[in-house]
Amino acid sequence: MATIKDIAQQAGVSSATVSRVLNYDESLSVGDETKKRIFEVAEQLEYTKHKKVKLTKNGKIAIMQWSTEKEELDDVYYLSLRMGAEKRIAEEGYETLRVFQDTPFEMTKDIVGIISLGECSPVQVARLTEWGKPICFINFDQLIHKYDSVVVDFEQAVRSVLDHFIATGHTKIGYIGGLECYGDRSGTIIDTRTKIFESYLREKKLYVEGYCFIDSFEVKAGYEQMKKAISELGEDLPTAIFAGNDPIAVGCLRALQEEGIQVPERVSLIGFNDISVAKYVFPSLSTVKVYTELMGETGVDLLLDRMASNRQAAKKITLSTDLILRESTLN
């Protein structure tokens, strides 16, 4: 595992700055470019594969991101997906064209394929497919519309968290999750983790609606919803909390610490994604590891396969996850 010092040296900043950025310290006054550089270095240092010899090919692959650059910094999960895709694109000798959902874009002849990162509205899907370029959706299942897709097995992931909590004696299990809107604000995306959490705990006869709090997928929202749970539930606060992503979990951890609630002795906490931040908070965060680099690489591989073979049948690749247990849970 890379150290804070390793990241600091490569990013050209102090170790204290790296620590505060990775802990989402809102009192730290550094620009978004510095934050971006730190997060990118932290993610890059997680990659262990050797680079292939770069070939030279004509054409660009466009990465369409249904987020803004600011949103990418708030949840570096999408940054990590992008970096995995960019790495494979470079290995295969193509140039990457990055397009965020809030930036103007026109299709040009030198674009040979499209990688779509994240969930987008039906209108946005239609716009992408109207261009007639090979396309692969990452983190968004479009097999029903016969487009290649790379997704996470959320069912397996959420069940692994809940099974661990139950196996370690927890019967009061809470959830702090988020809602997202499509990039064009045409609708709300119902998070799959929330639905699976409810259905599985109902099956186990352990679901309590009052233990669930939903806002957005940000550190601030996790902090505020955890504070709300502590205030409303008091002594009935669950002994185990599953957070919809790692930034939410970081906010939860901060709120619990402010209230003097010990983690994991009083409340066990598990996040989701295993972004680089998870290792550097205190206590270090137990979380579901999503293989974001592999997702990005796999999406590009599917796209290149489609380009080379001109196959008509769409493919969906579902990747498993791993539960990584660290200091925020009693194991």
C-alpha atoms as a PDB file:
ATOM      1  CA  MET A   1       0.000   0.000   0.000  1.00  0.00           C
ATOM      2  CA  ALA A   2       1.275   3.465  -0.914  1.00  0.00           C
ATOM      3  CA  THR A   3       1.945   5.769   2.036  1.00  0.00           C
ATOM      4  CA  ILE A   4       0.869   9.377   2.529  1.00  0.00           C
ATOM      5  CA  LYS A   5       4.524  10.301   1.967  1.00  0.00           C
ATOM      6  CA  ASP A   6       4.601   8.423  -1.367  1.00  0.00           C
ATOM      7  CA  ILE A   7       1.547  10.313  -2.573  1.00  0.00           C
ATOM      8  CA  ALA A   8       2.906  13.644  -1.330  1.00  0.00           C
ATOM      9  CA  GLN A   9       6.234  13.195  -3.132  1.00  0.00           C
ATOM     10  CA  GLN A  10       4.599  12.304  -6.438  1.00  0.00           C
ATOM     11  CA  ALA A  11       1.946  15.032  -6.190  1.00  0.00           C
ATOM     12  CA  GLY A  12       4.477  17.694  -5.139  1.00  0.00           C
ATOM     13  CA  VAL A  13       2.696  18.718  -1.932  1.00  0.00           C
ATOM     14  CA  SER A  14       3.183  18.183   1.799  1.00  0.00           C
ATOM     15  CA  SER A  15       2.141  15.023   3.609  1.00  0.00           C
ATOM     16  CA  ALA A  16      -0.193  17.132   5.765  1.00  0.00           C
ATOM     17  CA  THR A  17      -1.969  18.438   2.659  1.00  0.00           C
ATOM     18  CA  VAL A  18      -2.390  14.910   1.281  1.00  0.00           C
ATOM     19  CA  SER A  19      -3.802  13.675   4.597  1.00  0.00           C
ATOM     20  CA  ARG A  20      -6.305  16.516   4.821  1.00  0.00           C
ATOM     21  CA  VAL A  21      -7.422  16.165   1.190  1.00  0.00           C
ATOM     22  CA  LEU A  22      -7.908  12.397   1.511  1.00  0.00           C
ATOM     23  CA  ASN A  23      -9.946  13.010   4.661  1.00  0.00           C
ATOM     24  CA  TYR A  24     -12.129  15.574   2.842  1.00  0.00           C
ATOM     25  CA  ASP A  25     -11.120  18.313   5.296  1.00  0.00           C
ATOM     26  CA  GLU A  26     -13.432  21.190   4.345  1.00  0.00           C
ATOM     27  CA  SER A  27     -11.328  23.730   6.255  1.00  0.00           C
ATOM     28  CA  LEU A  28      -8.360  23.138   3.933  1.00  0.00           C
ATOM     29  CA  SER A  29      -7.890  25.919   1.397  1.00  0.00           C
ATOM     30  CA  VAL A  30      -6.424  24.294  -1.711  1.00  0.00           C
ATOM     31  CA  GLY A  31      -7.622  24.511  -5.302  1.00  0.00           C
ATOM     32  CA  ASP A  32      -9.505  21.796  -7.170  1.00  0.00           C
ATOM     33  CA  GLU A  33      -6.485  21.208  -9.425  1.00  0.00           C
ATOM     34  CA  THR A  34      -4.357  20.288  -6.398  1.00  0.00           C
ATOM     35  CA  LYS A  35      -7.086  18.039  -5.019  1.00  0.00           C
ATOM     36  CA  LYS A  36      -7.466  16.379  -8.419  1.00  0.00           C
ATOM     37  CA  ARG A  37      -3.713  15.767  -8.654  1.00  0.00           C
ATOM     38  CA  ILE A  38      -3.632  14.185  -5.184  1.00  0.00           C
ATOM     39  CA  PHE A  39      -6.606  11.902  -5.872  1.00  0.00           C
ATOM     40  CA  GLU A  40      -5.196  10.859  -9.245  1.00  0.00           C
ATOM     41  CA  VAL A  41      -1.799  10.030  -7.751  1.00  0.00           C
ATOM     42  CA  ALA A  42      -3.442   8.070  -4.930  1.00  0.00           C
ATOM     43  CA  GLU A  43      -5.425   6.025  -7.448  1.00  0.00           C
ATOM     44  CA  GLN A  44      -2.444   5.540  -9.775  1.00  0.00           C
ATOM     45  CA  LEU A  45      -0.332   4.137  -6.964  1.00  0.00           C
ATOM     46  CA  GLU A  46      -2.946   1.413  -6.475  1.00  0.00           C
ATOM     47  CA  TYR A  47      -2.383   0.113 -10.002  1.00  0.00           C
ATOM     48  CA  THR A  48       0.113  -2.747 -10.111  1.00  0.00           C
ATOM     49  CA  LYS A  49       0.130  -3.833 -13.745  1.00  0.00           C
ATOM     50  CA  HIS A  50       3.038  -2.882 -15.967  1.00  0.00           C
ATOM     51  CA  LYS A  51       2.252  -0.652 -18.900  1.00  0.00           C
ATOM     52  CA  LYS A  52       2.208  -2.239 -22.306  1.00  0.00           C
ATOM     53  CA  VAL A  53       4.297  -0.813 -25.129  1.00  0.00           C
ATOM     54  CA  LYS A  54       2.250   1.995 -26.624  1.00  0.00           C
ATOM     55  CA  LEU A  55       1.293   1.489 -30.247  1.00  0.00           C
ATOM     56  CA  THR A  56       0.339   4.260 -32.634  1.00  0.00           C
ATOM     57  CA  LYS A  57      -3.125   4.159 -34.128  1.00  0.00           C
ATOM     58  CA  ASN A  58      -5.290   6.702 -35.817  1.00  0.00           C
ATOM     59  CA  GLY A  59      -8.400   7.819 -34.033  1.00  0.00           C
ATOM     60  CA  LYS A  60      -9.740   8.897 -30.684  1.00  0.00           C
ATOM     61  CA  ILE A  61     -11.971   7.211 -28.146  1.00  0.00           C
ATOM     62  CA  ALA A  62     -14.330   9.627 -26.429  1.00  0.00           C
ATOM     63  CA  ILE A  63     -15.029   9.142 -22.720  1.00  0.00           C
ATOM     64  CA  MET A  64     -18.422  10.674 -21.982  1.00  0.00           C
ATOM     65  CA  GLN A  65     -18.750  11.408 -18.259  1.00  0.00           C
ATOM     66  CA  TRP A  66     -22.215  12.104 -16.889  1.00  0.00           C
ATOM     67  CA  SER A  67     -20.798  14.268 -14.119  1.00  0.00           C
ATOM     68  CA  THR A  68     -18.947  17.539 -13.747  1.00  0.00           C
ATOM     69  CA  GLU A  69     -15.275  17.809 -12.805  1.00  0.00           C
ATOM     70  CA  LYS A  70     -16.365  19.039  -9.368  1.00  0.00           C
ATOM     71  CA  GLU A  71     -18.655  16.015  -8.897  1.00  0.00           C
ATOM     72  CA  GLU A  72     -15.802  13.728  -9.915  1.00  0.00           C
ATOM     73  CA  LEU A  73     -13.716  15.133  -7.043  1.00  0.00           C
ATOM     74  CA  ASP A  74     -16.612  14.735  -4.589  1.00  0.00           C
ATOM     75  CA  ASP A  75     -16.807  11.015  -5.451  1.00  0.00           C
ATOM     76  CA  VAL A  76     -13.512   9.763  -6.884  1.00  0.00           C
ATOM     77  CA  TYR A  77     -15.147   6.453  -7.807  1.00  0.00           C
ATOM     78  CA  TYR A  78     -15.828   7.938 -11.241  1.00  0.00           C
ATOM     79  CA  LEU A  79     -12.313   9.342 -11.440  1.00  0.00           C
ATOM     80  CA  SER A  80     -10.993   5.837 -10.821  1.00  0.00           C
ATOM     81  CA  LEU A  81     -13.248   4.348 -13.524  1.00  0.00           C
ATOM     82  CA  ARG A  82     -12.044   6.979 -15.956  1.00  0.00           C
ATOM     83  CA  MET A  83      -8.401   6.377 -15.149  1.00  0.00           C
ATOM     84  CA  GLY A  84      -8.817   2.648 -15.746  1.00  0.00           C
ATOM     85  CA  ALA A  85     -10.389   3.327 -19.151  1.00  0.00           C
ATOM     86  CA  GLU A  86      -7.741   5.908 -20.086  1.00  0.00           C
ATOM     87  CA  LYS A  87      -4.968   3.505 -19.148  1.00  0.00           C
ATOM     88  CA  ARG A  88      -6.307   0.802 -21.476  1.00  0.00           C
ATOM     89  CA  ILE A  89      -6.984   3.303 -24.292  1.00  0.00           C
ATOM     90  CA  ALA A  90      -3.365   4.483 -24.088  1.00  0.00           C
ATOM     91  CA  GLU A  91      -2.070   0.891 -23.996  1.00  0.00           C
ATOM     92  CA  GLU A  92      -3.983   0.166 -27.205  1.00  0.00           C
ATOM     93  CA  GLY A  93      -2.481   3.207 -28.916  1.00  0.00           C
ATOM     94  CA  TYR A  94      -5.538   5.435 -29.149  1.00  0.00           C
ATOM     95  CA  GLU A  95      -5.955   9.006 -27.981  1.00  0.00           C
ATOM     96  CA  THR A  96      -8.500   9.825 -25.292  1.00  0.00           C
ATOM     97  CA  LEU A  97     -11.001  12.641 -25.632  1.00  0.00           C
ATOM     98  CA  ARG A  98     -12.609  13.484 -22.266  1.00  0.00           C
ATOM     99  CA  VAL A  99     -16.060  15.051 -22.297  1.00  0.00           C
ATOM    100  CA  PHE A 100     -17.960  16.036 -19.148  1.00  0.00           C
ATOM    101  CA  GLN A 101     -21.731  16.334 -19.307  1.00  0.00           C
ATOM    102  CA  ASP A 102     -21.622  20.111 -18.841  1.00  0.00           C
ATOM    103  CA  THR A 103     -19.132  20.806 -21.661  1.00  0.00           C
ATOM    104  CA  PRO A 104     -19.975  21.386 -25.343  1.00  0.00           C
ATOM    105  CA  PHE A 105     -19.215  18.493 -27.676  1.00  0.00           C
ATOM    106  CA  GLU A 106     -19.508  17.758 -31.374  1.00  0.00           C
ATOM    107  CA  MET A 107     -18.901  14.369 -32.954  1.00  0.00           C
ATOM    108  CA  THR A 108     -15.971  14.328 -35.387  1.00  0.00           C
ATOM    109  CA  LYS A 109     -14.753  11.757 -37.904  1.00  0.00           C
ATOM    110  CA  ASP A 110     -11.603  10.929 -35.943  1.00  0.00           C
ATOM    111  CA  ILE A 111     -13.648   9.559 -33.007  1.00  0.00           C
ATOM    112  CA  VAL A 112     -13.793   5.793 -33.524  1.00  0.00           C
ATOM    113  CA  GLY A 113     -15.743   4.770 -30.405  1.00  0.00           C
ATOM    114  CA  ILE A 114     -17.399   5.966 -27.212  1.00  0.00           C
ATOM    115  CA  ILE A 115     -17.084   4.958 -23.560  1.00  0.00           C
ATOM    116  CA  SER A 116     -20.019   6.185 -21.474  1.00  0.00           C
ATOM    117  CA  LEU A 117     -19.230   6.487 -17.744  1.00  0.00           C
ATOM    118  CA  GLY A 118     -22.122   6.474 -15.283  1.00  0.00           C
ATOM    119  CA  GLU A 119     -25.887   6.558 -15.557  1.00  0.00           C
ATOM    120  CA  CYS A 120     -27.553   8.843 -18.063  1.00  0.00           C
ATOM    121  CA  SER A 121     -31.123   9.637 -19.045  1.00  0.00           C
ATOM    122  CA  PRO A 122     -32.989   8.056 -21.980  1.00  0.00           C
ATOM    123  CA  VAL A 123     -32.567  11.345 -23.869  1.00  0.00           C
ATOM    124  CA  GLN A 124     -28.813  11.264 -23.293  1.00  0.00           C
ATOM    125  CA  VAL A 125     -28.612   7.596 -24.353  1.00  0.00           C
ATOM    126  CA  ALA A 126     -30.482   8.451 -27.541  1.00  0.00           C
ATOM    127  CA  ARG A 127     -28.060  11.291 -28.264  1.00  0.00           C
ATOM    128  CA  LEU A 128     -25.063   8.984 -27.835  1.00  0.00           C
ATOM    129  CA  THR A 129     -26.446   6.249 -30.054  1.00  0.00           C
ATOM    130  CA  GLU A 130     -27.600   8.644 -32.801  1.00  0.00           C
ATOM    131  CA  TRP A 131     -23.948   9.257 -33.656  1.00  0.00           C
ATOM    132  CA  GLY A 132     -23.692   5.688 -34.928  1.00  0.00           C
ATOM    133  CA  LYS A 133     -20.342   4.976 -33.248  1.00  0.00           C
ATOM    134  CA  PRO A 134     -19.497   1.747 -31.367  1.00  0.00           C
ATOM    135  CA  ILE A 135     -20.271   2.338 -27.697  1.00  0.00           C
ATOM    136  CA  CYS A 136     -19.861   0.668 -24.319  1.00  0.00           C
ATOM    137  CA  PHE A 137     -21.614   1.760 -21.125  1.00  0.00           C
ATOM    138  CA  ILE A 138     -19.684   1.430 -17.857  1.00  0.00           C
ATOM    139  CA  ASN A 139     -21.587   1.364 -14.554  1.00  0.00           C
ATOM    140  CA  PHE A 140     -24.896   1.476 -16.448  1.00  0.00           C
ATOM    141  CA  ASP A 141     -26.705  -1.637 -17.693  1.00  0.00           C
ATOM    142  CA  GLN A 142     -27.943  -1.098 -21.239  1.00  0.00           C
ATOM    143  CA  LEU A 143     -28.112  -4.712 -22.367  1.00  0.00           C
ATOM    144  CA  ILE A 144     -31.897  -4.452 -22.621  1.00  0.00           C
ATOM    145  CA  HIS A 145     -31.321  -1.926 -25.412  1.00  0.00           C
ATOM    146  CA  LYS A 146     -28.628  -4.145 -26.979  1.00  0.00           C
ATOM    147  CA  TYR A 147     -25.614  -2.053 -26.016  1.00  0.00           C
ATOM    148  CA  ASP A 148     -22.443  -3.430 -24.454  1.00  0.00           C
ATOM    149  CA  SER A 149     -22.252  -2.814 -20.700  1.00  0.00           C
ATOM    150  CA  VAL A 150     -19.922  -3.367 -17.743  1.00  0.00           C
ATOM    151  CA  VAL A 151     -21.570  -3.437 -14.323  1.00  0.00           C
ATOM    152  CA  VAL A 152     -21.013  -4.407 -10.695  1.00  0.00           C
ATOM    153  CA  ASP A 153     -22.816  -7.307  -9.014  1.00  0.00           C
ATOM    154  CA  PHE A 154     -24.626  -5.139  -6.446  1.00  0.00           C
ATOM    155  CA  GLU A 155     -26.662  -8.084  -5.170  1.00  0.00           C
ATOM    156  CA  GLN A 156     -23.540 -10.008  -4.184  1.00  0.00           C
ATOM    157  CA  ALA A 157     -21.892  -6.872  -2.803  1.00  0.00           C
ATOM    158  CA  VAL A 158     -24.704  -5.745  -0.510  1.00  0.00           C
ATOM    159  CA  ARG A 159     -25.430  -9.258   0.708  1.00  0.00           C
ATOM    160  CA  SER A 160     -21.768  -9.719   1.639  1.00  0.00           C
ATOM    161  CA  VAL A 161     -21.947  -6.630   3.868  1.00  0.00           C
ATOM    162  CA  LEU A 162     -25.185  -7.663   5.551  1.00  0.00           C
ATOM    163  CA  ASP A 163     -24.071 -11.269   5.970  1.00  0.00           C
ATOM    164  CA  HIS A 164     -20.935 -10.026   7.729  1.00  0.00           C
ATOM    165  CA  PHE A 165     -22.914  -7.788  10.061  1.00  0.00           C
ATOM    166  CA  ILE A 166     -25.338 -10.608  10.910  1.00  0.00           C
ATOM    167  CA  ALA A 167     -22.524 -13.143  11.376  1.00  0.00           C
ATOM    168  CA  THR A 168     -20.815 -10.814  13.858  1.00  0.00           C
ATOM    169  CA  GLY A 169     -23.954 -10.516  15.969  1.00  0.00           C
ATOM    170  CA  HIS A 170     -25.608  -7.326  14.709  1.00  0.00           C
ATOM    171  CA  THR A 171     -29.401  -7.232  14.576  1.00  0.00           C
ATOM    172  CA  LYS A 172     -29.852  -3.450  14.424  1.00  0.00           C
ATOM    173  CA  ILE A 173     -28.470  -2.512  11.025  1.00  0.00           C
ATOM    174  CA  GLY A 174     -28.823   0.930   9.460  1.00  0.00           C
ATOM    175  CA  TYR A 175     -28.237   2.372   6.020  1.00  0.00           C
ATOM    176  CA  ILE A 176     -27.111   5.829   4.959  1.00  0.00           C
ATOM    177  CA  GLY A 177     -27.312   6.177   1.202  1.00  0.00           C
ATOM    178  CA  GLY A 178     -27.869   8.637  -1.592  1.00  0.00           C
ATOM    179  CA  LEU A 179     -29.980   9.607  -4.550  1.00  0.00           C
ATOM    180  CA  GLU A 180     -28.660  10.908  -7.847  1.00  0.00           C
ATOM    181  CA  CYS A 181     -30.230  12.817 -10.704  1.00  0.00           C
ATOM    182  CA  TYR A 182     -29.511  12.288 -14.366  1.00  0.00           C
ATOM    183  CA  GLY A 183     -27.050  14.805 -15.761  1.00  0.00           C
ATOM    184  CA  ASP A 184     -29.830  16.602 -17.649  1.00  0.00           C
ATOM    185  CA  ARG A 185     -31.953  16.732 -14.447  1.00  0.00           C
ATOM    186  CA  SER A 186     -34.760  14.849 -16.196  1.00  0.00           C
ATOM    187  CA  GLY A 187     -35.270  12.373 -13.359  1.00  0.00           C
ATOM    188  CA  THR A 188     -34.018  10.746 -10.175  1.00  0.00           C
ATOM    189  CA  ILE A 189     -31.992   7.539 -10.171  1.00  0.00           C
ATOM    190  CA  ILE A 190     -33.132   4.996  -7.574  1.00  0.00           C
ATOM    191  CA  ASP A 191     -29.991   3.430  -6.147  1.00  0.00           C
ATOM    192  CA  THR A 192     -29.778  -0.348  -6.471  1.00  0.00           C
ATOM    193  CA  ARG A 193     -27.983  -0.713  -3.121  1.00  0.00           C
ATOM    194  CA  THR A 194     -30.932   0.808  -1.286  1.00  0.00           C
ATOM    195  CA  LYS A 195     -33.401  -1.631  -2.828  1.00  0.00           C
ATOM    196  CA  ILE A 196     -31.230  -4.674  -2.146  1.00  0.00           C
ATOM    197  CA  PHE A 197     -30.540  -3.560   1.435  1.00  0.00           C
ATOM    198  CA  GLU A 198     -34.270  -3.357   2.155  1.00  0.00           C
ATOM    199  CA  SER A 199     -35.288  -6.573   0.407  1.00  0.00           C
ATOM    200  CA  TYR A 200     -32.527  -8.687   1.966  1.00  0.00           C
ATOM    201  CA  LEU A 201     -33.103  -7.436   5.502  1.00  0.00           C
ATOM    202  CA  ARG A 202     -36.867  -7.925   5.087  1.00  0.00           C
ATOM    203  CA  GLU A 203     -36.086 -11.499   4.112  1.00  0.00           C
ATOM    204  CA  LYS A 204     -34.069 -11.801   7.342  1.00  0.00           C
ATOM    205  CA  LYS A 205     -36.839 -10.021   9.312  1.00  0.00           C
ATOM    206  CA  LEU A 206     -34.341  -7.344  10.384  1.00  0.00           C
ATOM    207  CA  TYR A 207     -35.431  -4.364   8.290  1.00  0.00           C
ATOM    208  CA  VAL A 208     -36.386  -1.192  10.166  1.00  0.00           C
ATOM    209  CA  GLU A 209     -37.412   1.731   7.984  1.00  0.00           C
ATOM    210  CA  GLY A 210     -36.433   4.242  10.664  1.00  0.00           C
ATOM    211  CA  TYR A 211     -32.827   3.060  10.452  1.00  0.00           C
ATOM    212  CA  CYS A 212     -32.485   4.254   6.829  1.00  0.00           C
ATOM    213  CA  PHE A 213     -31.436   7.777   5.838  1.00  0.00           C
ATOM    214  CA  ILE A 214     -31.098   8.980   2.234  1.00  0.00           C
ATOM    215  CA  ASP A 215     -29.623  12.203   0.889  1.00  0.00           C
ATOM    216  CA  SER A 216     -26.747  12.450  -1.625  1.00  0.00           C
ATOM    217  CA  PHE A 217     -23.457  10.639  -2.228  1.00  0.00           C
ATOM    218  CA  GLU A 218     -21.211  13.243  -0.595  1.00  0.00           C
ATOM    219  CA  VAL A 219     -19.155  13.554   2.581  1.00  0.00           C
ATOM    220  CA  LYS A 220     -21.301  16.424   3.811  1.00  0.00           C
ATOM    221  CA  ALA A 221     -24.509  14.429   3.308  1.00  0.00           C
ATOM    222  CA  GLY A 222     -23.065  11.441   5.173  1.00  0.00           C
ATOM    223  CA  TYR A 223     -22.093  13.719   8.059  1.00  0.00           C
ATOM    224  CA  GLU A 224     -25.522  15.396   8.200  1.00  0.00           C
ATOM    225  CA  GLN A 225     -27.510  12.173   7.922  1.00  0.00           C
ATOM    226  CA  MET A 226     -25.403  10.485  10.600  1.00  0.00           C
ATOM    227  CA  LYS A 227     -25.981  13.470  12.885  1.00  0.00           C
ATOM    228  CA  LYS A 228     -29.699  13.179  12.171  1.00  0.00           C
ATOM    229  CA  ALA A 229     -29.686   9.462  12.967  1.00  0.00           C
ATOM    230  CA  ILE A 230     -27.866  10.059  16.263  1.00  0.00           C
ATOM    231  CA  SER A 231     -30.304  12.820  17.227  1.00  0.00           C
ATOM    232  CA  GLU A 232     -33.484  10.967  16.266  1.00  0.00           C
ATOM    233  CA  LEU A 233     -32.565   7.458  17.413  1.00  0.00           C
ATOM    234  CA  GLY A 234     -30.584   8.121  20.582  1.00  0.00           C
ATOM    235  CA  GLU A 235     -29.902   4.864  22.398  1.00  0.00           C
ATOM    236  CA  ASP A 236     -31.696   3.022  19.583  1.00  0.00           C
ATOM    237  CA  LEU A 237     -28.933   3.947  17.130  1.00  0.00           C
ATOM    238  CA  PRO A 238     -28.020   0.825  15.095  1.00  0.00           C
ATOM    239  CA  THR A 239     -24.868  -1.002  16.077  1.00  0.00           C
ATOM    240  CA  ALA A 240     -23.929  -1.418  12.398  1.00  0.00           C
ATOM    241  CA  ILE A 241     -24.142   1.116   9.572  1.00  0.00           C
ATOM    242  CA  PHE A 242     -23.764   0.416   5.862  1.00  0.00           C
ATOM    243  CA  ALA A 243     -22.910   3.540   3.842  1.00  0.00           C
ATOM    244  CA  GLY A 244     -23.780   3.765   0.142  1.00  0.00           C
ATOM    245  CA  ASN A 245     -20.276   4.904  -0.785  1.00  0.00           C
ATOM    246  CA  ASP A 246     -16.970   5.745   0.872  1.00  0.00           C
ATOM    247  CA  PRO A 247     -17.440   9.550   0.936  1.00  0.00           C
ATOM    248  CA  ILE A 248     -20.725   9.046   2.818  1.00  0.00           C
ATOM    249  CA  ALA A 249     -18.899   6.704   5.203  1.00  0.00           C
ATOM    250  CA  VAL A 250     -16.191   9.338   5.805  1.00  0.00           C
ATOM    251  CA  GLY A 251     -18.910  11.836   6.735  1.00  0.00           C
ATOM    252  CA  CYS A 252     -20.566   9.269   9.018  1.00  0.00           C
ATOM    253  CA  LEU A 253     -17.243   8.573  10.713  1.00  0.00           C
ATOM    254  CA  ARG A 254     -16.675  12.283  11.346  1.00  0.00           C
ATOM    255  CA  ALA A 255     -20.131  12.694  12.893  1.00  0.00           C
ATOM    256  CA  LEU A 256     -19.740   9.648  15.122  1.00  0.00           C
ATOM    257  CA  GLN A 257     -16.366  10.876  16.355  1.00  0.00           C
ATOM    258  CA  GLU A 258     -17.750  14.343  17.117  1.00  0.00           C
ATOM    259  CA  GLU A 259     -20.501  12.770  19.199  1.00  0.00           C
ATOM    260  CA  GLY A 260     -18.021  10.606  21.094  1.00  0.00           C
ATOM    261  CA  ILE A 261     -19.473   7.385  19.679  1.00  0.00           C
ATOM    262  CA  GLN A 262     -16.731   4.801  19.373  1.00  0.00           C
ATOM    263  CA  VAL A 263     -16.090   3.060  16.075  1.00  0.00           C
ATOM    264  CA  PRO A 264     -16.171   0.069  15.927  1.00  0.00           C
ATOM    265  CA  GLU A 265     -16.883  -0.621  19.622  1.00  0.00           C
ATOM    266  CA  ARG A 266     -20.349   1.022  19.593  1.00  0.00           C
ATOM    267  CA  VAL A 267     -21.014   1.297  15.853  1.00  0.00           C
ATOM    268  CA  SER A 268     -19.432  -0.791  13.091  1.00  0.00           C
ATOM    269  CA  LEU A 269     -19.217   1.020   9.766  1.00  0.00           C
ATOM    270  CA  ILE A 270     -18.778  -0.297   6.212  1.00  0.00           C
ATOM    271  CA  GLY A 271     -18.537   1.826   3.077  1.00  0.00           C
ATOM    272  CA  PHE A 272     -18.662   0.996  -0.610  1.00  0.00           C
ATOM    273  CA  ASN A 273     -16.150   1.284  -3.512  1.00  0.00           C
ATOM    274  CA  ASP A 274     -12.785   1.098  -1.666  1.00  0.00           C
ATOM    275  CA  ILE A 275     -11.488   4.334  -3.139  1.00  0.00           C
ATOM    276  CA  SER A 276      -7.985   5.336  -2.040  1.00  0.00           C
ATOM    277  CA  VAL A 277      -9.426   7.504   0.750  1.00  0.00           C
ATOM    278  CA  ALA A 278     -10.672   4.446   2.663  1.00  0.00           C
ATOM    279  CA  LYS A 279      -7.169   3.431   3.752  1.00  0.00           C
ATOM    280  CA  TYR A 280      -6.139   6.825   5.079  1.00  0.00           C
ATOM    281  CA  VAL A 281      -9.004   7.836   7.378  1.00  0.00           C
ATOM    282  CA  PHE A 282      -8.909   6.887  11.059  1.00  0.00           C
ATOM    283  CA  PRO A 283      -9.988   4.306  11.863  1.00  0.00           C
ATOM    284  CA  SER A 284      -9.326   2.875   8.411  1.00  0.00           C
ATOM    285  CA  LEU A 285     -12.559   2.089   6.616  1.00  0.00           C
ATOM    286  CA  SER A 286     -14.005  -1.356   6.019  1.00  0.00           C
ATOM    287  CA  THR A 287     -15.593  -1.255   2.590  1.00  0.00           C
ATOM    288  CA  VAL A 288     -16.721  -3.168  -0.476  1.00  0.00           C
ATOM    289  CA  LYS A 289     -13.936  -3.202  -3.050  1.00  0.00           C
ATOM    290  CA  VAL A 290     -15.176  -2.449  -6.546  1.00  0.00           C
ATOM    291  CA  TYR A 291     -12.543  -3.192  -9.173  1.00  0.00           C
ATOM    292  CA  THR A 292     -12.808   0.174 -10.881  1.00  0.00           C
ATOM    293  CA  GLU A 293      -9.584  -0.123 -12.874  1.00  0.00           C
ATOM    294  CA  LEU A 294     -10.748  -3.482 -14.240  1.00  0.00           C
ATOM    295  CA  MET A 295     -14.186  -2.039 -15.026  1.00  0.00           C
ATOM    296  CA  GLY A 296     -12.592   0.734 -17.077  1.00  0.00           C
ATOM    297  CA  GLU A 297     -10.249  -1.678 -18.851  1.00  0.00           C
ATOM    298  CA  THR A 298     -13.055  -4.164 -19.538  1.00  0.00           C
ATOM    299  CA  GLY A 299     -15.264  -1.458 -21.010  1.00  0.00           C
ATOM    300  CA  VAL A 300     -12.527  -0.458 -23.440  1.00  0.00           C
ATOM    301  CA  ASP A 301     -11.860  -4.117 -24.313  1.00  0.00           C
ATOM    302  CA  LEU A 302     -15.565  -4.629 -25.096  1.00  0.00           C
ATOM    303  CA  LEU A 303     -15.568  -1.507 -27.241  1.00  0.00           C
ATOM    304  CA  LEU A 304     -12.470  -2.605 -29.179  1.00  0.00           C
ATOM    305  CA  ASP A 305     -13.970  -6.074 -29.661  1.00  0.00           C
ATOM    306  CA  ARG A 306     -17.118  -4.508 -31.093  1.00  0.00           C
ATOM    307  CA  MET A 307     -15.035  -2.288 -33.393  1.00  0.00           C
ATOM    308  CA  ALA A 308     -12.900  -5.194 -34.624  1.00  0.00           C
ATOM    309  CA  SER A 309     -15.612  -7.812 -35.100  1.00  0.00           C
ATOM    310  CA  ASN A 310     -18.657  -5.694 -35.941  1.00  0.00           C
ATOM    311  CA  ARG A 311     -20.649  -8.261 -33.935  1.00  0.00           C
ATOM    312  CA  GLN A 312     -24.401  -7.728 -33.672  1.00  0.00           C
ATOM    313  CA  ALA A 313     -25.060  -9.328 -30.269  1.00  0.00           C
ATOM    314  CA  ALA A 314     -24.514  -7.106 -27.251  1.00  0.00           C
ATOM    315  CA  LYS A 315     -22.487  -8.289 -24.264  1.00  0.00           C
ATOM    316  CA  LYS A 316     -22.813  -7.483 -20.574  1.00  0.00           C
ATOM    317  CA  ILE A 317     -19.949  -8.228 -18.209  1.00  0.00           C
ATOM    318  CA  THR A 318     -20.729  -8.299 -14.488  1.00  0.00           C
ATOM    319  CA  LEU A 319     -17.814  -8.007 -12.074  1.00  0.00           C
ATOM    320  CA  SER A 320     -17.829  -9.332  -8.544  1.00  0.00           C
ATOM    321  CA  THR A 321     -16.678  -7.367  -5.503  1.00  0.00           C
ATOM    322  CA  ASP A 322     -14.780  -8.168  -2.309  1.00  0.00           C
ATOM    323  CA  LEU A 323     -15.540  -7.131   1.255  1.00  0.00           C
ATOM    324  CA  ILE A 324     -12.392  -5.540   2.690  1.00  0.00           C
ATOM    325  CA  LEU A 325     -12.373  -5.533   6.488  1.00  0.00           C
ATOM    326  CA  ARG A 326     -10.334  -2.850   8.232  1.00  0.00           C
ATOM    327  CA  GLU A 327     -10.506  -1.026  11.564  1.00  0.00           C
ATOM    328  CA  SER A 328     -14.048   0.391  11.362  1.00  0.00           C
ATOM    329  CA  THR A 329     -15.629  -3.010  12.028  1.00  0.00           C
ATOM    330  CA  LEU A 330     -15.285  -5.654  14.722  1.00  0.00           C
ATOM    331  CA  ASN A 331     -14.127  -8.667  12.716  1.00  0.00           C
END
